[in-house]
Amino acid sequence: MLTKLLGGRRRASERVEPVLGADRAPVSTGDREAILDLFNVSASHAGPVVNARTAMRSSAVYACVATIAGAIAALPLPVYQRTANGRERADHPLWWLLNEQPTPGFSAYAFWEYVVSSKLLRGDGLAMIARNNAGQPQELIPLPRGQTLIEKRDGRLVYYVELDGDYIGLDQDDVLHFPSLGFDGIKSPSVISLAAKQGVGVSLAAEEYAGRFFSNGARPDFALSHPGNPTRQQVDLIREMWAERHQGTANRHLPAVLVGGMEVKELTMSAEDSQLLETRKWQVVDIARAFGVPPHMIGETEKSSSWGTGIEQMSIGFVRWTLNRHLKPIEQELNRKLWPRSARYFVEFNREGLMAGDSKAEAEYFTKALGGPGAQGYMTVNEVRRIKNLPPVEGGDILYRPENASNAQPPAEPDQGQPEGEEDLRDPQRGE
């Protein structure tokens, strides 16, 4: 099926073999850091190797990526067509690919989550546009960034994708390429490599240290004091016997039996150990800053209130300043690749989908959008109902305007007598 949809794309035997590292500057054999980075095994100053795979072991990185990718994947992506009066939603076949199933192996949510995660962790999110013989898109197939070589030849980008042990060459018109900050015309550096490498390295090192520090409940917070001068063999024997009887969660509360004048003396925690938790908290904030995610959205609320408008404004800022810098490039790439040189159709994320979880804010927003006394509306009833997946109603396409007579009740006409056959329902006691 894939070969059929490729429409005769060149295979590995029909092209020049791609060169390892051709999409980057030459690496000197004396540059250790560049060589390690070439093979994606560059270690941080804290010790742990930080790359797209190991970085996700940090809970802060995982939370940031999941928050951004999940928010974008959940947004509706309607197709619009331009009209003489502006735009209107279009019933287009590509809506299904963008919102439900881009390819049989992926739902739309999983597709966007994968592509955006690749963008955040590896710098570029890639997807192949599989077309039929007429050039119309039939599938959107996500491409693994680690198995894709990008080169520039004759002023155009060429993508060599390893699929089933073979390389397939794709032209830039057949690949959706979502770059990140630092895009040089060929590829982009990831957030991890550009701004968060050392922060993630410290986070992983602190987590490993904390795990070892608390492993088996064997913290060195006390010492056994002996009045005599035992030999080394006796010291080792005492230590082994103590560990055997008291190490581990099952033996933690067993009573200790001391003989020969031996005493237990408590040790104070060192300054290094007491700052362990503070270090881990700071790394959460540092990593969140690199990804542009408010710390409270990944669980760090110590220095921010969980109530009131402060959190609300930070959440609005997340949509405005963090998500928009991902959404706008995605929209532009889709429009220029799916409808090349077309001025009729285009797509745009419906950012109002992010309000779905806050019914009060959503109700206030729609109330203002519909308009009211003294305020002109900018949405119709049917437009609101469409957002809420409700059917249209008769008369729901009229935009409210205070000065529009069609939106007001018609004035009462003077009494010209009761028509024959109709009962006068007016109440004489009320002066009607």
Protein backbone atom coordinates (compact mmCIF):
# COMPACT_ATOMS: atom_id res chain seq x y z
CA MET A 1 0.00 0.00 0.00
CA LEU A 2 2.81 2.39 0.90
CA THR A 3 4.63 1.76 -2.40
CA LYS A 4 1.41 2.40 -4.31
CA LEU A 5 0.77 5.67 -2.53
CA LEU A 6 4.34 6.82 -3.09
CA GLY A 7 3.50 7.05 -6.77
CA GLY A 8 6.87 5.92 -8.08
CA ARG A 9 9.17 7.71 -5.64
CA ARG A 10 12.85 6.92 -6.11
CA ARG A 11 14.22 4.07 -4.05
CA ALA A 12 17.75 3.67 -2.68
CA SER A 13 19.10 1.92 -5.79
CA GLU A 14 18.07 4.85 -8.02
CA ARG A 15 19.82 7.70 -6.26
CA VAL A 16 23.08 8.87 -4.77
CA GLU A 17 23.65 7.35 -1.33
CA PRO A 18 23.11 9.95 1.42
CA VAL A 19 26.19 10.93 3.37
CA LEU A 20 26.20 10.61 7.16
CA GLY A 21 26.20 14.09 8.61
CA ALA A 22 25.61 15.73 5.24
CA ASP A 23 22.93 17.96 6.80
CA ARG A 24 25.42 19.51 9.21
CA ALA A 25 28.85 21.17 9.25
CA PRO A 26 31.92 18.86 9.04
CA VAL A 27 33.09 17.46 12.37
CA SER A 28 36.76 17.50 13.32
CA THR A 29 38.20 14.29 14.79
CA GLY A 30 39.71 16.41 17.55
CA ASP A 31 36.34 17.85 18.62
CA ARG A 32 35.14 15.38 21.24
CA GLU A 33 31.88 17.19 21.99
CA ALA A 34 30.95 17.40 18.29
CA ILE A 35 31.65 13.70 17.75
CA LEU A 36 29.54 12.72 20.76
CA ASP A 37 26.74 14.98 19.55
CA LEU A 38 26.97 13.46 16.04
CA PHE A 39 26.16 10.03 17.46
CA ASN A 40 23.59 11.45 19.92
CA VAL A 41 25.53 10.29 23.00
CA SER A 42 26.71 13.66 24.30
CA ALA A 43 27.00 13.65 28.09
CA SER A 44 26.01 16.59 30.25
CA HIS A 45 28.39 18.19 32.71
CA ALA A 46 26.48 16.45 35.50
CA GLY A 47 27.37 13.07 34.00
CA PRO A 48 24.24 11.48 32.49
CA VAL A 49 23.91 11.27 28.70
CA VAL A 50 21.11 13.57 27.55
CA ASN A 51 19.29 12.90 24.29
CA ALA A 52 15.70 12.59 23.11
CA ARG A 53 15.29 9.17 24.69
CA THR A 54 17.02 9.69 28.03
CA ALA A 55 15.51 13.15 28.56
CA MET A 56 12.03 11.64 28.80
CA ARG A 57 13.17 9.83 31.94
CA SER A 58 13.00 13.21 33.66
CA SER A 59 9.48 13.70 34.98
CA ALA A 60 9.68 17.45 34.24
CA VAL A 61 10.59 16.87 30.57
CA TYR A 62 7.91 14.22 30.21
CA ALA A 63 5.30 16.54 31.72
CA CYS A 64 6.30 19.48 29.49
CA VAL A 65 6.22 17.41 26.31
CA ALA A 66 2.95 15.72 27.28
CA THR A 67 1.34 19.08 28.13
CA ILE A 68 2.29 20.83 24.88
CA ALA A 69 1.75 17.84 22.57
CA GLY A 70 -1.49 16.87 24.27
CA ALA A 71 -2.93 20.39 24.09
CA ILE A 72 -2.17 20.71 20.37
CA ALA A 73 -3.43 17.19 19.58
CA ALA A 74 -6.75 17.95 21.28
CA LEU A 75 -7.46 21.11 19.25
CA PRO A 76 -9.99 20.89 16.39
CA LEU A 77 -8.50 21.67 12.98
CA PRO A 78 -11.38 22.72 10.70
CA VAL A 79 -11.02 23.40 6.97
CA TYR A 80 -12.21 26.81 5.76
CA GLN A 81 -12.88 28.29 2.36
CA ARG A 82 -12.57 31.95 1.51
CA THR A 83 -15.73 33.70 0.40
CA ALA A 84 -16.65 37.19 -0.73
CA ASN A 85 -17.78 37.96 2.83
CA GLY A 86 -14.80 36.45 4.60
CA ARG A 87 -14.68 32.71 5.24
CA GLU A 88 -16.86 29.75 6.10
CA ARG A 89 -16.29 26.15 7.11
CA ALA A 90 -15.90 23.75 4.21
CA ASP A 91 -16.89 20.11 3.96
CA HIS A 92 -13.52 18.96 2.60
CA PRO A 93 -12.14 15.38 2.35
CA LEU A 94 -8.92 16.42 4.12
CA TRP A 95 -10.87 17.16 7.29
CA TRP A 96 -10.96 13.42 8.02
CA LEU A 97 -7.17 13.10 7.67
CA LEU A 98 -6.49 16.07 9.91
CA ASN A 99 -9.07 15.39 12.63
CA GLU A 100 -9.86 11.67 12.69
CA GLN A 101 -7.48 9.30 10.90
CA PRO A 102 -4.48 10.52 8.90
CA THR A 103 -3.34 6.93 8.25
CA PRO A 104 -4.79 3.54 9.26
CA GLY A 105 -2.08 3.05 11.88
CA PHE A 106 -2.68 6.35 13.72
CA SER A 107 -5.65 8.26 15.03
CA ALA A 108 -5.44 12.02 14.52
CA TYR A 109 -4.70 12.59 18.21
CA ALA A 110 -1.86 10.04 18.23
CA PHE A 111 -0.51 11.50 14.96
CA TRP A 112 -0.31 15.07 16.25
CA GLU A 113 1.03 13.97 19.62
CA TYR A 114 3.82 12.02 17.91
CA VAL A 115 4.72 14.79 15.46
CA VAL A 116 4.76 17.55 18.10
CA SER A 117 6.77 15.36 20.51
CA SER A 118 9.34 14.79 17.76
CA LYS A 119 9.45 18.54 17.19
CA LEU A 120 10.13 19.22 20.86
CA LEU A 121 12.62 16.41 21.51
CA ARG A 122 14.42 16.19 18.16
CA GLY A 123 13.89 19.63 16.66
CA ASP A 124 11.76 18.62 13.66
CA GLY A 125 8.39 16.93 13.29
CA LEU A 126 8.03 15.11 9.97
CA ALA A 127 5.16 13.46 8.12
CA MET A 128 4.94 12.12 4.58
CA ILE A 129 2.08 13.17 2.29
CA ALA A 130 1.13 10.01 0.41
CA ARG A 131 -0.70 11.05 -2.76
CA ASN A 132 -2.70 9.20 -5.41
CA ASN A 133 -1.91 9.37 -9.12
CA ALA A 134 -3.83 12.63 -9.37
CA GLY A 135 -1.58 14.21 -6.73
CA GLN A 136 -4.30 14.38 -4.09
CA PRO A 137 -3.30 13.55 -0.47
CA GLN A 138 -4.56 10.14 0.65
CA GLU A 139 -2.59 9.63 3.86
CA LEU A 140 -0.40 11.57 6.27
CA ILE A 141 2.26 9.17 7.56
CA PRO A 142 4.45 10.26 10.51
CA LEU A 143 8.17 9.83 9.89
CA PRO A 144 10.69 8.98 12.65
CA ARG A 145 13.22 11.82 12.82
CA GLY A 146 16.00 9.45 13.86
CA GLN A 147 15.55 7.45 10.65
CA THR A 148 15.34 10.42 8.27
CA LEU A 149 18.29 12.14 6.60
CA ILE A 150 17.66 15.66 5.28
CA GLU A 151 19.81 17.16 2.52
CA LYS A 152 19.59 20.19 0.28
CA ARG A 153 20.17 19.54 -3.41
CA ASP A 154 19.71 22.11 -6.17
CA GLY A 155 18.02 24.44 -3.73
CA ARG A 156 15.40 21.90 -2.64
CA LEU A 157 15.18 19.70 0.44
CA VAL A 158 15.34 15.95 -0.07
CA TYR A 159 14.31 13.52 2.67
CA TYR A 160 15.73 10.00 2.77
CA VAL A 161 13.60 7.82 5.04
CA GLU A 162 14.64 4.37 6.17
CA LEU A 163 11.65 2.05 5.87
CA ASP A 164 12.02 -1.73 6.17
CA GLY A 165 15.79 -1.54 5.71
CA ASP A 166 15.56 0.53 2.53
CA TYR A 167 15.86 4.27 1.96
CA ILE A 168 13.06 6.09 0.14
CA GLY A 169 13.76 9.53 -1.29
CA LEU A 170 11.05 12.16 -0.91
CA ASP A 171 10.85 15.66 -2.34
CA GLN A 172 10.07 18.57 -0.04
CA ASP A 173 6.58 18.92 -1.54
CA ASP A 174 5.70 15.46 -0.22
CA VAL A 175 6.85 16.01 3.37
CA LEU A 176 5.25 18.06 6.12
CA HIS A 177 8.23 19.56 7.94
CA PHE A 178 7.49 21.32 11.23
CA PRO A 179 10.76 22.96 12.39
CA SER A 180 11.65 24.57 15.70
CA LEU A 181 13.51 27.66 16.83
CA GLY A 182 16.96 27.73 15.20
CA PHE A 183 15.88 26.24 11.86
CA ASP A 184 18.73 26.74 9.38
CA GLY A 185 16.83 25.83 6.24
CA ILE A 186 17.58 22.11 6.61
CA LYS A 187 16.99 21.04 10.19
CA SER A 188 16.41 22.45 13.67
CA PRO A 189 18.08 21.94 17.04
CA SER A 190 15.85 20.52 19.75
CA VAL A 191 14.91 22.28 22.98
CA ILE A 192 16.96 19.62 24.78
CA SER A 193 20.18 20.26 22.87
CA LEU A 194 19.78 24.02 22.62
CA ALA A 195 18.61 25.14 26.05
CA ALA A 196 17.87 22.29 28.45
CA LYS A 197 20.75 19.84 28.12
CA GLN A 198 22.52 20.77 31.36
CA GLY A 199 19.26 21.26 33.25
CA VAL A 200 18.04 17.82 32.24
CA GLY A 201 21.45 16.33 33.06
CA VAL A 202 21.33 17.77 36.57
CA SER A 203 17.74 16.56 36.98
CA LEU A 204 18.68 13.01 35.97
CA ALA A 205 21.77 13.05 38.19
CA ALA A 206 19.79 14.34 41.19
CA GLU A 207 17.12 11.72 40.64
CA GLU A 208 19.71 8.95 40.48
CA TYR A 209 21.43 10.27 43.60
CA ALA A 210 18.11 10.47 45.44
CA GLY A 211 17.30 6.90 44.47
CA ARG A 212 20.62 5.63 45.75
CA PHE A 213 20.40 7.83 48.85
CA PHE A 214 17.11 6.30 49.95
CA SER A 215 17.56 2.79 48.55
CA ASN A 216 16.69 -0.04 50.92
CA GLY A 217 16.20 2.39 53.78
CA ALA A 218 19.99 2.31 54.40
CA ARG A 219 20.67 6.01 54.85
CA PRO A 220 23.93 6.68 56.75
CA ASP A 221 22.17 8.72 59.46
CA PHE A 222 23.75 6.95 62.47
CA ALA A 223 27.01 5.33 63.59
CA LEU A 224 27.85 2.47 65.94
CA SER A 225 30.32 3.57 68.61
CA HIS A 226 32.51 0.93 70.31
CA PRO A 227 34.51 1.77 73.47
CA GLY A 228 37.40 -0.51 72.56
CA ASN A 229 39.70 -0.65 69.57
CA PRO A 230 38.28 -3.44 67.35
CA THR A 231 40.27 -4.83 64.49
CA ARG A 232 39.26 -4.29 60.88
CA GLN A 233 37.86 -7.78 60.67
CA GLN A 234 35.69 -7.13 63.72
CA VAL A 235 34.48 -3.83 62.26
CA ASP A 236 33.56 -5.52 58.98
CA LEU A 237 31.81 -8.33 60.85
CA ILE A 238 29.76 -5.88 62.96
CA ARG A 239 28.78 -3.89 59.84
CA GLU A 240 27.75 -7.03 57.94
CA MET A 241 25.74 -8.39 60.85
CA TRP A 242 23.97 -5.06 61.30
CA ALA A 243 23.16 -4.80 57.59
CA GLU A 244 21.93 -8.37 57.50
CA ARG A 245 19.55 -7.89 60.40
CA HIS A 246 18.38 -4.31 59.90
CA GLN A 247 18.75 -3.34 56.20
CA GLY A 248 15.66 -3.28 54.00
CA THR A 249 12.05 -2.32 54.57
CA ALA A 250 11.13 -5.71 56.10
CA ASN A 251 13.77 -5.38 58.85
CA ARG A 252 13.63 -1.62 59.37
CA HIS A 253 11.72 -1.73 62.67
CA LEU A 254 13.40 -4.74 64.26
CA PRO A 255 14.90 -3.90 67.68
CA ALA A 256 18.69 -3.56 67.82
CA VAL A 257 20.67 -5.55 70.40
CA LEU A 258 23.95 -3.88 71.38
CA VAL A 259 26.67 -5.69 73.36
CA GLY A 260 30.13 -4.89 74.64
CA GLY A 261 29.32 -1.26 75.53
CA MET A 262 28.41 -0.38 71.93
CA GLU A 263 26.28 2.76 71.39
CA VAL A 264 24.26 4.21 68.50
CA LYS A 265 25.01 7.85 67.70
CA GLU A 266 22.79 9.86 65.33
CA LEU A 267 24.50 11.76 62.52
CA THR A 268 23.18 15.09 61.20
CA MET A 269 22.37 15.37 57.49
CA SER A 270 25.06 17.12 55.50
CA ALA A 271 24.36 20.39 53.73
CA GLU A 272 24.74 18.58 50.40
CA ASP A 273 22.02 16.09 51.32
CA SER A 274 19.68 18.70 52.80
CA GLN A 275 19.78 20.66 49.50
CA LEU A 276 18.85 17.61 47.43
CA LEU A 277 15.12 18.35 47.38
CA GLU A 278 15.71 22.05 46.68
CA THR A 279 17.90 21.11 43.73
CA ARG A 280 15.23 18.87 42.28
CA LYS A 281 12.56 21.56 42.68
CA TRP A 282 14.73 24.14 40.95
CA GLN A 283 15.37 21.82 38.00
CA VAL A 284 11.62 21.47 37.47
CA VAL A 285 11.32 25.25 37.12
CA ASP A 286 14.41 25.44 34.91
CA ILE A 287 13.17 22.76 32.49
CA ALA A 288 9.67 24.27 32.41
CA ARG A 289 11.20 27.64 31.48
CA ALA A 290 13.09 26.09 28.54
CA PHE A 291 9.88 24.58 27.14
CA GLY A 292 7.80 27.68 27.89
CA VAL A 293 5.39 25.83 30.20
CA PRO A 294 4.16 27.52 33.40
CA PRO A 295 5.53 25.47 36.33
CA HIS A 296 2.09 25.03 37.87
CA MET A 297 0.98 23.09 34.78
CA ILE A 298 3.51 20.35 35.49
CA GLY A 299 2.85 20.20 39.23
CA GLU A 300 5.22 22.83 40.70
CA THR A 301 2.95 25.20 42.66
CA GLU A 302 5.11 25.97 45.68
CA LYS A 303 5.80 29.57 44.69
CA SER A 304 2.49 30.25 42.96
CA SER A 305 -1.06 30.22 44.21
CA SER A 306 -3.33 27.42 43.07
CA TRP A 307 -6.34 29.75 43.24
CA GLY A 308 -7.43 33.07 41.79
CA THR A 309 -6.60 34.94 38.63
CA GLY A 310 -2.83 34.39 38.82
CA ILE A 311 -3.06 30.77 37.68
CA GLU A 312 -5.79 31.68 35.18
CA GLN A 313 -3.65 34.39 33.57
CA MET A 314 -0.66 32.05 33.38
CA SER A 315 -2.83 29.49 31.62
CA ILE A 316 -3.98 32.12 29.12
CA GLY A 317 -0.35 33.09 28.61
CA PHE A 318 0.48 29.44 27.93
CA VAL A 319 -1.98 29.43 25.01
CA ARG A 320 -0.91 32.84 23.75
CA TRP A 321 2.86 32.66 24.06
CA THR A 322 3.71 28.94 24.10
CA LEU A 323 1.14 27.11 22.00
CA ASN A 324 0.82 29.83 19.37
CA ARG A 325 4.49 29.60 18.46
CA HIS A 326 3.84 25.94 17.58
CA LEU A 327 0.35 26.31 16.10
CA LYS A 328 1.08 29.06 13.60
CA PRO A 329 4.01 27.29 11.85
CA ILE A 330 1.97 24.08 11.69
CA GLU A 331 -0.93 25.93 10.04
CA GLN A 332 1.36 27.57 7.49
CA GLU A 333 3.07 24.29 6.61
CA LEU A 334 -0.24 22.49 6.13
CA ASN A 335 -1.66 25.25 3.96
CA ARG A 336 1.34 25.53 1.66
CA LYS A 337 1.78 21.74 1.24
CA LEU A 338 -1.83 20.51 1.11
CA TRP A 339 -3.17 23.35 -1.03
CA PRO A 340 -0.13 24.68 -2.93
CA ARG A 341 -0.78 28.01 -4.61
CA SER A 342 -4.46 27.81 -3.72
CA ALA A 343 -6.30 30.85 -2.43
CA ARG A 344 -9.55 28.99 -1.71
CA TYR A 345 -8.98 26.49 1.12
CA PHE A 346 -6.99 26.75 4.32
CA VAL A 347 -6.89 25.29 7.84
CA GLU A 348 -6.66 26.99 11.20
CA PHE A 349 -6.66 25.50 14.68
CA ASN A 350 -9.76 26.28 16.69
CA ARG A 351 -8.13 27.59 19.85
CA GLU A 352 -11.52 27.84 21.52
CA GLY A 353 -11.26 24.09 22.07
CA LEU A 354 -8.92 24.82 24.98
CA MET A 355 -11.85 26.40 26.85
CA ALA A 356 -13.88 23.18 26.81
CA GLY A 357 -12.89 22.25 30.36
CA ASP A 358 -14.01 25.57 31.95
CA SER A 359 -17.78 25.78 31.57
CA LYS A 360 -18.07 29.12 33.39
CA ALA A 361 -15.43 30.85 31.26
CA GLU A 362 -16.91 29.27 28.14
CA ALA A 363 -20.42 30.49 28.99
CA GLU A 364 -19.18 34.03 29.64
CA TYR A 365 -17.23 34.01 26.38
CA PHE A 366 -20.21 32.87 24.28
CA THR A 367 -22.51 35.35 26.02
CA LYS A 368 -20.28 38.22 24.95
CA ALA A 369 -19.80 36.70 21.50
CA LEU A 370 -23.57 36.54 20.87
CA GLY A 371 -24.03 40.16 21.94
CA GLY A 372 -26.74 41.77 24.00
CA PRO A 373 -28.27 45.11 24.93
CA GLY A 374 -25.76 47.80 23.97
CA ALA A 375 -23.20 45.32 22.61
CA GLN A 376 -22.96 44.01 19.07
CA GLY A 377 -22.46 40.28 18.62
CA TYR A 378 -19.71 38.77 16.51
CA MET A 379 -20.98 35.16 16.51
CA THR A 380 -24.35 33.73 15.59
CA VAL A 381 -26.30 31.14 17.56
CA ASN A 382 -25.59 28.47 14.98
CA GLU A 383 -21.87 29.21 15.05
CA VAL A 384 -21.88 28.61 18.80
CA ARG A 385 -23.96 25.47 18.38
CA ARG A 386 -21.52 24.17 15.77
CA ILE A 387 -18.64 24.54 18.24
CA LYS A 388 -20.66 22.55 20.80
CA ASN A 389 -21.50 19.88 18.18
CA LEU A 390 -25.19 20.77 18.19
CA PRO A 391 -27.44 20.96 15.12
CA PRO A 392 -28.38 24.38 13.71
CA VAL A 393 -31.71 25.98 14.53
CA GLU A 394 -33.99 28.02 12.33
CA GLY A 395 -33.16 31.71 12.48
CA GLY A 396 -29.83 31.03 14.18
CA ASP A 397 -27.70 32.61 11.44
CA ILE A 398 -28.70 36.22 12.20
CA LEU A 399 -25.96 38.29 13.79
CA TYR A 400 -27.21 40.39 16.69
CA ARG A 401 -26.94 44.16 16.27
CA PRO A 402 -28.58 46.52 18.74
CA GLU A 403 -29.60 48.90 15.98
CA ASN A 404 -30.96 46.13 13.75
CA ALA A 405 -34.75 46.26 13.72
CA SER A 406 -34.93 42.56 12.86
CA ASN A 407 -33.54 41.75 16.30
CA ALA A 408 -36.17 43.76 18.16
CA GLN A 409 -39.85 43.04 18.74
CA PRO A 410 -42.09 44.79 16.18
CA PRO A 411 -44.12 47.69 17.62
CA ALA A 412 -47.71 47.02 18.54
CA GLU A 413 -50.21 48.10 15.93
CA PRO A 414 -53.20 50.31 16.88
CA ASP A 415 -56.43 48.53 17.75
CA GLN A 416 -58.60 48.27 14.67
CA GLY A 417 -61.22 46.12 16.22
CA GLN A 418 -61.32 42.44 16.95
CA PRO A 419 -61.36 40.24 13.84
CA GLU A 420 -64.50 38.20 13.49
CA GLY A 421 -64.27 34.73 15.01
CA GLU A 422 -61.48 35.58 17.46
CA GLU A 423 -61.90 36.06 21.18
CA ASP A 424 -60.56 39.23 22.80
CA LEU A 425 -58.10 37.99 25.42
CA ARG A 426 -57.16 41.40 26.75
CA ASP A 427 -57.83 42.01 30.44
CA PRO A 428 -59.97 45.13 30.97
CA GLN A 429 -58.92 45.27 34.60
CA ARG A 430 -55.31 45.97 33.49
CA GLY A 431 -56.27 48.63 31.02
CA GLU A 432 -55.41 46.53 27.96
